[in-house]
Amino acid sequence: MFVYILFSDQRSRYYVGQTTDIDKRLKRHNLGRVPSTKYGVPWKLVLQISVSNKTEALILERKIKKRGAKRYLDDHLGV
């Protein structure tokens, strides 16, 4: 299971999600098949974090969204 952060240069926005197959999910985002990201194509994978199960993924995803993806990246990666 992965929690991931995407970034769109076109919209200057981040997107946070979770999946079991990061490559397949990124393709779906960039093909416009995900309603919440179809207007930011192309999306770039900025961060992927491996977690052991869906519960952990949901908790981490919520934590990142609450903090804000950019702030989370700044705090944890010094970006």
C-alpha atoms as a PDB file:
ATOM      1  CA  MET A   1       0.000   0.000   0.000  1.00  0.00           C
ATOM      2  CA  PHE A   2       1.241   3.487  -0.811  1.00  0.00           C
ATOM      3  CA  VAL A   3       0.333   7.031   0.129  1.00  0.00           C
ATOM      4  CA  TYR A   4       1.398   9.450  -2.581  1.00  0.00           C
ATOM      5  CA  ILE A   5       1.595  13.140  -3.354  1.00  0.00           C
ATOM      6  CA  LEU A   6       1.256  14.466  -6.892  1.00  0.00           C
ATOM      7  CA  PHE A   7       1.922  17.968  -8.187  1.00  0.00           C
ATOM      8  CA  SER A   8       0.470  19.764 -11.206  1.00  0.00           C
ATOM      9  CA  ASP A   9       2.569  22.579 -12.712  1.00  0.00           C
ATOM     10  CA  GLN A  10      -0.455  23.663 -14.734  1.00  0.00           C
ATOM     11  CA  ARG A  11      -2.590  24.281 -11.627  1.00  0.00           C
ATOM     12  CA  SER A  12       0.202  24.712  -9.039  1.00  0.00           C
ATOM     13  CA  ARG A  13      -1.670  22.223  -6.857  1.00  0.00           C
ATOM     14  CA  TYR A  14      -0.912  19.096  -4.904  1.00  0.00           C
ATOM     15  CA  TYR A  15      -3.025  15.961  -4.717  1.00  0.00           C
ATOM     16  CA  VAL A  16      -2.773  13.326  -1.970  1.00  0.00           C
ATOM     17  CA  GLY A  17      -4.039   9.786  -2.395  1.00  0.00           C
ATOM     18  CA  GLN A  18      -3.434   6.137  -1.589  1.00  0.00           C
ATOM     19  CA  THR A  19      -3.235   3.014  -3.724  1.00  0.00           C
ATOM     20  CA  THR A  20      -1.791  -0.461  -4.020  1.00  0.00           C
ATOM     21  CA  ASP A  21      -0.408   0.144  -7.547  1.00  0.00           C
ATOM     22  CA  ILE A  22       1.280   3.534  -7.870  1.00  0.00           C
ATOM     23  CA  ASP A  23       2.126   3.224 -11.602  1.00  0.00           C
ATOM     24  CA  LYS A  24      -1.420   2.281 -12.598  1.00  0.00           C
ATOM     25  CA  ARG A  25      -2.889   5.028 -10.418  1.00  0.00           C
ATOM     26  CA  LEU A  26      -0.575   7.713 -11.834  1.00  0.00           C
ATOM     27  CA  LYS A  27      -1.565   6.666 -15.371  1.00  0.00           C
ATOM     28  CA  ARG A  28      -5.255   7.026 -14.454  1.00  0.00           C
ATOM     29  CA  HIS A  29      -4.602  10.528 -13.088  1.00  0.00           C
ATOM     30  CA  ASN A  30      -2.731  11.573 -16.229  1.00  0.00           C
ATOM     31  CA  LEU A  31      -5.341  10.125 -18.589  1.00  0.00           C
ATOM     32  CA  GLY A  32      -7.988  12.307 -16.917  1.00  0.00           C
ATOM     33  CA  ARG A  33      -9.904   9.343 -15.479  1.00  0.00           C
ATOM     34  CA  VAL A  34      -9.909  10.684 -11.924  1.00  0.00           C
ATOM     35  CA  PRO A  35     -12.510  13.474 -11.609  1.00  0.00           C
ATOM     36  CA  SER A  36     -10.621  15.460  -8.971  1.00  0.00           C
ATOM     37  CA  THR A  37      -7.396  15.616 -11.017  1.00  0.00           C
ATOM     38  CA  LYS A  38      -8.563  15.697 -14.630  1.00  0.00           C
ATOM     39  CA  TYR A  39      -7.896  19.435 -14.953  1.00  0.00           C
ATOM     40  CA  GLY A  40      -4.291  19.351 -13.790  1.00  0.00           C
ATOM     41  CA  VAL A  41      -2.738  16.974 -16.306  1.00  0.00           C
ATOM     42  CA  PRO A  42       0.127  16.163 -16.352  1.00  0.00           C
ATOM     43  CA  TRP A  43       0.645  15.242 -12.697  1.00  0.00           C
ATOM     44  CA  LYS A  44       4.119  14.447 -11.376  1.00  0.00           C
ATOM     45  CA  LEU A  45       4.780  12.034  -8.549  1.00  0.00           C
ATOM     46  CA  VAL A  46       6.487  14.042  -5.810  1.00  0.00           C
ATOM     47  CA  LEU A  47       6.467  11.530  -2.954  1.00  0.00           C
ATOM     48  CA  GLN A  48       5.422   7.960  -2.321  1.00  0.00           C
ATOM     49  CA  ILE A  49       5.418   6.393   1.119  1.00  0.00           C
ATOM     50  CA  SER A  50       5.033   2.663   1.595  1.00  0.00           C
ATOM     51  CA  VAL A  51       2.760   1.592   4.457  1.00  0.00           C
ATOM     52  CA  SER A  52       1.846  -1.887   5.607  1.00  0.00           C
ATOM     53  CA  ASN A  53      -1.949  -1.772   5.297  1.00  0.00           C
ATOM     54  CA  LYS A  54      -4.997   0.269   4.278  1.00  0.00           C
ATOM     55  CA  THR A  55      -5.634   1.515   7.809  1.00  0.00           C
ATOM     56  CA  GLU A  56      -2.150   3.028   8.004  1.00  0.00           C
ATOM     57  CA  ALA A  57      -2.612   4.503   4.527  1.00  0.00           C
ATOM     58  CA  LEU A  58      -5.888   6.194   5.492  1.00  0.00           C
ATOM     59  CA  ILE A  59      -4.396   7.601   8.703  1.00  0.00           C
ATOM     60  CA  LEU A  60      -1.326   8.998   6.905  1.00  0.00           C
ATOM     61  CA  GLU A  61      -3.392  10.360   4.014  1.00  0.00           C
ATOM     62  CA  ARG A  62      -5.669  12.189   6.473  1.00  0.00           C
ATOM     63  CA  LYS A  63      -2.647  13.549   8.365  1.00  0.00           C
ATOM     64  CA  ILE A  64      -1.070  14.905   5.159  1.00  0.00           C
ATOM     65  CA  LYS A  65      -4.342  16.454   3.960  1.00  0.00           C
ATOM     66  CA  LYS A  66      -4.954  18.072   7.342  1.00  0.00           C
ATOM     67  CA  ARG A  67      -1.454  19.571   7.395  1.00  0.00           C
ATOM     68  CA  GLY A  68      -1.455  20.407   3.674  1.00  0.00           C
ATOM     69  CA  ALA A  69       0.732  18.603   1.153  1.00  0.00           C
ATOM     70  CA  LYS A  70       3.194  21.484   0.691  1.00  0.00           C
ATOM     71  CA  ARG A  71       3.625  21.984   4.440  1.00  0.00           C
ATOM     72  CA  TYR A  72       4.018  18.227   4.933  1.00  0.00           C
ATOM     73  CA  LEU A  73       6.747  18.132   2.274  1.00  0.00           C
ATOM     74  CA  ASP A  74       8.480  21.184   3.790  1.00  0.00           C
ATOM     75  CA  ASP A  75       8.343  19.700   7.305  1.00  0.00           C
ATOM     76  CA  HIS A  76       9.487  16.206   6.399  1.00  0.00           C
ATOM     77  CA  LEU A  77      11.728  16.677   3.392  1.00  0.00           C
ATOM     78  CA  GLY A  78      12.892  20.267   3.631  1.00  0.00           C
ATOM     79  CA  VAL A  79      11.601  20.899   0.091  1.00  0.00           C
END
